[in-house]
Structures are given as structure tokens and as C-alpha cells.
């Protein structure tokens, strides 16, 4: 004859065993991290579809070659440029060309900021464009462009633009428009004075 061992029903009020509590805690932490990751990915995608664009144009009585001569003469920036007060090609060879690395010091009402952008386009007499990145590339990117367009005999339009993207950019939109955009206009006027003097 086999003896039957009585069993006691589980007490629902009894505390959860420690291993199970730890597992539940890990699940909650993982769920929170996943939610945060999804939110950050969504915000990153959203911020990159809403760039901040700055643009300033000026008409200059000069040839495209004369305006390019002023823009490409980096060693002279410190003498006349109120915005990009210093610029140099730091990559091997020192040539202003696609892929070249630059070191620029930009000045506005908040002070000086140093950037190390990469040249995307350097077409004499037509276009100079570079991109600078803050952090790994998704925090803030700025694509800066100078476009020279001939509008008539001895007359061009210089348009300076910058397209800012990244997760930090929406927080600085007001500052960029209030502090940086006026410096675009100031530099354009300085380029015009210097280019027109070349042809005088």
C-alpha cells in the first residue's frame, strides 16, 4: 500500500521567489529600453526630415572668377572676413578640392566656433560646398554652400546657404537664425567689396 503525502495549496499572498522577481525586473528594464530606443529612432528620423535652412544672396559687380578668387583665398580670410575669420586646408597636399579637410573658425555674436568640415564640391567660378559634423553624424550636420551665378556682363549673384540636420538642430533653430544668418549677410557684403575692388 502506497502512502499519500498531503499537499498544501500555494498561498497567493506569499512573496514571489527572488529569482522570479529578478527576471520580472529585467523584463521591465528591457521593455523600457526598447520603448526609449523606438522613441529616439522616431525623433531622429523626424528631425532629419525637418532641416533648418539659412540663405543669403547678394548681387556683385564682378566676374565669377574674381568672386571665386576671393572665396578660395583662405589665407586672407583673417584680413576681411567677419564670419569665417580663419580657414585652412589641413589635408595632405593643401589643395582645395573634393575630399579635402578644412579647419574653419566661425564667428557670431556668441563667440568663435571651430569646425573641421570636408569639401564636397570645389568648382572654380561656380560652387564651393562642404559638410561639417558634430559627433557621430546624427547629432548635428551642417552643409555649407557658396553658389556663384553669372547674371550679366561683369555681374554675378553670390548665394550662401547652409542646411542643418540632426537631433540637436531643432533646439538651436532660433539661435541659428538670430546669430548665424546675419553673419552670412555680413560675409556676402565683404566678399562683394573685395571682389569689386579686384576689378576696379
Protein backbone atom coordinates (compact mmCIF):
# COMPACT_ATOMS: atom_id res chain seq x y z
CA UNK A 1 0.00 0.00 0.00
CA UNK A 2 1.36 3.42 -1.05
CA UNK A 3 1.19 6.31 1.43
CA UNK A 4 -0.29 9.57 0.14
CA UNK A 5 1.58 12.73 1.12
CA UNK A 6 -0.81 15.63 1.70
CA UNK A 7 -0.10 18.84 -0.25
CA UNK A 8 -0.77 22.41 0.83
CA UNK A 9 -2.30 24.81 -1.75
CA UNK A 10 0.00 27.71 -2.75
CA UNK A 11 -0.61 30.85 -0.76
CA UNK A 12 -1.32 33.68 -3.26
CA UNK A 13 -0.19 36.23 -0.71
CA UNK A 14 3.22 34.62 -0.35
CA UNK A 15 6.13 36.73 -1.74
CA UNK A 16 7.42 35.96 -5.26
CA UNK A 17 10.67 33.98 -5.12
CA UNK A 18 13.77 36.13 -5.60
CA UNK A 19 14.84 34.59 -8.97
CA UNK A 20 11.43 35.32 -10.45
CA UNK A 21 11.43 38.90 -9.12
CA UNK A 22 14.81 39.47 -10.78
CA UNK A 23 13.53 38.10 -14.09
CA UNK A 24 10.47 40.36 -14.00
CA UNK A 25 12.66 43.37 -13.22
CA UNK A 26 14.92 42.59 -16.18
CA UNK A 27 11.91 42.29 -18.47
CA UNK A 28 10.62 45.69 -17.33
CA UNK A 29 14.04 47.29 -17.88
CA UNK A 30 14.32 45.77 -21.36
CA UNK A 31 10.81 46.91 -22.26
CA UNK A 32 11.62 50.46 -21.09
CA UNK A 33 14.87 50.49 -23.08
CA UNK A 34 13.07 49.26 -26.20
CA UNK A 35 10.43 51.96 -25.82
CA UNK A 36 13.14 54.61 -25.37
CA UNK A 37 15.04 53.29 -28.38
CA UNK A 38 11.95 53.41 -30.58
CA UNK A 39 11.19 56.97 -29.39
CA UNK A 40 14.77 58.13 -30.09
CA UNK A 41 14.79 56.50 -33.52
CA UNK A 42 11.47 58.16 -34.34
CA UNK A 43 12.72 61.56 -33.17
CA UNK A 44 15.97 61.16 -35.12
CA UNK A 45 14.06 60.34 -38.30
CA UNK A 46 11.66 63.24 -37.71
CA UNK A 47 14.42 65.79 -37.03
CA UNK A 48 16.24 64.80 -40.23
CA UNK A 49 13.11 65.43 -42.29
CA UNK A 50 12.85 68.94 -40.83
CA UNK A 51 16.17 70.66 -41.62
CA UNK A 52 16.89 74.26 -40.74
CA UNK A 53 17.89 76.18 -43.88
CA UNK A 54 19.71 79.51 -43.90
CA UNK A 55 20.20 81.50 -47.10
CA UNK A 56 21.57 84.92 -48.06
CA UNK A 57 22.22 86.33 -51.55
CA UNK A 58 23.92 89.42 -52.93
CA UNK A 59 24.49 90.93 -56.38
CA UNK A 60 28.16 91.69 -57.10
CA UNK A 61 29.66 93.76 -59.91
CA UNK A 62 32.47 91.33 -60.67
CA UNK A 63 33.19 88.24 -62.75
CA UNK A 64 32.71 84.69 -61.44
CA UNK A 65 36.49 84.26 -61.49
CA UNK A 66 37.00 87.35 -59.29
CA UNK A 67 34.43 86.19 -56.73
CA UNK A 68 35.99 82.73 -56.70
CA UNK A 69 39.43 84.26 -56.19
CA UNK A 70 38.16 85.93 -53.02
CA UNK A 71 36.40 82.81 -51.70
CA UNK A 72 39.31 80.46 -52.41
CA UNK A 73 41.98 82.72 -50.85
CA UNK A 74 41.75 81.15 -47.39
CA UNK A 75 44.98 82.68 -46.01
CA UNK A 76 43.46 86.16 -46.43
CA UNK A 77 40.21 85.45 -44.54
CA UNK A 78 41.54 86.94 -41.33
CA UNK A 79 42.02 90.31 -43.06
CA UNK A 80 38.48 90.86 -44.31
CA UNK A 81 36.04 88.09 -43.37
CA UNK A 82 33.74 88.94 -40.43
CA UNK A 83 32.17 85.46 -40.34
CA UNK A 84 34.76 82.81 -41.25
CA UNK A 85 37.69 84.50 -39.60
CA UNK A 86 40.14 81.68 -40.36
CA UNK A 87 40.17 78.83 -42.86
CA UNK A 88 42.84 76.40 -43.98
CA UNK A 89 43.14 73.14 -45.88
CA UNK A 90 44.57 70.61 -43.44
CA UNK A 91 44.64 67.51 -45.65
CA UNK A 92 47.79 66.35 -47.41
CA UNK A 93 48.71 68.48 -50.40
CA UNK A 94 46.83 71.55 -49.17
CA UNK A 95 44.65 71.72 -52.29
CA UNK A 96 41.09 73.00 -52.27
CA UNK A 97 39.34 70.05 -53.91
CA UNK A 98 36.68 67.44 -53.30
CA UNK A 99 37.55 65.36 -50.24
CA UNK A 100 39.89 67.97 -48.73
CA UNK A 101 39.70 68.56 -44.99
CA UNK A 102 39.38 72.10 -43.66
CA UNK A 103 39.71 73.83 -40.32
CA UNK A 104 37.37 76.82 -40.09
CA UNK A 105 36.84 79.31 -37.29
CA UNK A 106 33.39 80.87 -37.50
CA UNK A 107 32.40 83.96 -35.55
CA UNK A 108 28.98 85.22 -34.49
CA UNK A 109 27.50 87.10 -31.56
CA UNK A 110 28.03 84.09 -29.27
CA UNK A 111 31.77 83.91 -29.98
CA UNK A 112 34.08 81.68 -32.06
CA UNK A 113 33.47 78.06 -33.03
CA UNK A 114 35.97 75.78 -34.77
CA UNK A 115 34.76 73.23 -37.31
CA UNK A 116 36.65 70.67 -39.38
CA UNK A 117 34.47 70.07 -42.43
CA UNK A 118 35.08 68.04 -45.58
CA UNK A 119 34.87 69.63 -49.02
CA UNK A 120 32.08 68.16 -51.16
CA UNK A 121 32.46 70.41 -54.22
CA UNK A 122 35.11 72.90 -55.34
CA UNK A 123 34.30 74.12 -58.84
CA UNK A 124 36.24 77.31 -59.65
CA UNK A 125 33.98 80.20 -60.61
CA UNK A 126 30.83 78.33 -59.67
CA UNK A 127 30.50 76.44 -56.38
CA UNK A 128 32.20 75.73 -53.08
CA UNK A 129 30.46 73.32 -50.71
CA UNK A 130 31.48 71.48 -47.57
CA UNK A 131 29.88 69.49 -44.75
CA UNK A 132 30.71 69.64 -41.06
CA UNK A 133 29.55 67.09 -38.49
CA UNK A 134 29.10 67.34 -34.76
CA UNK A 135 29.56 63.99 -33.04
CA UNK A 136 28.89 60.73 -34.95
CA UNK A 137 26.89 62.47 -37.66
CA UNK A 138 23.32 62.31 -36.38
CA UNK A 139 23.62 64.96 -33.66
CA UNK A 140 24.11 67.94 -35.98
CA UNK A 141 25.36 68.23 -39.57
CA UNK A 142 25.82 71.47 -41.47
CA UNK A 143 26.19 71.56 -45.26
CA UNK A 144 27.55 74.97 -46.25
CA UNK A 145 27.43 76.19 -49.84
CA UNK A 146 28.59 79.19 -51.87
CA UNK A 147 26.98 79.36 -55.31
CA UNK A 148 28.19 81.88 -57.92
CA UNK A 149 25.77 82.57 -60.78
CA UNK A 150 26.51 84.94 -63.65
CA UNK A 151 23.57 87.32 -64.11
CA UNK A 152 25.01 89.67 -66.72
CA UNK A 153 28.21 91.21 -68.06
CA UNK A 154 30.59 91.64 -65.13
CA UNK A 155 27.78 90.81 -62.68
CA UNK A 156 27.08 87.76 -60.52
CA UNK A 157 24.78 86.62 -57.77
CA UNK A 158 26.50 85.04 -54.77
CA UNK A 159 24.23 82.85 -52.65
CA UNK A 160 25.47 81.49 -49.34
CA UNK A 161 23.38 78.71 -47.77
CA UNK A 162 23.60 76.15 -45.03
CA UNK A 163 21.37 73.16 -44.37
CA UNK A 164 21.38 71.90 -40.78
CA UNK A 165 20.09 68.44 -39.86
CA UNK A 166 20.30 66.27 -36.74
CA UNK A 167 18.64 65.64 -33.41
CA UNK A 168 20.10 68.77 -31.77
CA UNK A 169 19.19 71.17 -34.57
CA UNK A 170 15.52 71.91 -33.62
CA UNK A 171 16.72 73.19 -30.25
CA UNK A 172 19.03 75.73 -31.92
CA UNK A 173 16.84 76.93 -34.79
CA UNK A 174 16.15 80.30 -33.18
CA UNK A 175 19.82 80.88 -32.37
CA UNK A 176 20.92 79.93 -35.89
CA UNK A 177 18.51 82.41 -37.45
CA UNK A 178 19.24 85.18 -34.93
CA UNK A 179 23.04 84.82 -34.66
CA UNK A 180 24.37 82.96 -37.70
CA UNK A 181 22.21 84.24 -40.55
CA UNK A 182 23.27 87.89 -40.03
CA UNK A 183 26.87 86.74 -40.43
CA UNK A 184 26.02 85.25 -43.83
CA UNK A 185 24.88 88.71 -44.94
CA UNK A 186 27.97 90.34 -43.42
CA UNK A 187 30.32 87.96 -45.22
CA UNK A 188 28.48 88.37 -48.54
CA UNK A 189 28.90 92.13 -48.33
CA UNK A 190 32.59 91.73 -47.50
CA UNK A 191 33.09 89.37 -50.47
CA UNK A 192 31.36 91.91 -52.72
CA UNK A 193 33.62 94.76 -51.60
CA UNK A 194 36.76 92.70 -52.08
CA UNK A 195 35.76 91.21 -55.46
CA UNK A 196 34.67 94.58 -56.83
CA UNK A 197 37.99 96.07 -55.75
CA UNK A 198 39.81 93.39 -57.80
CA UNK A 199 38.08 94.53 -60.96
CA UNK A 200 38.31 98.26 -60.29
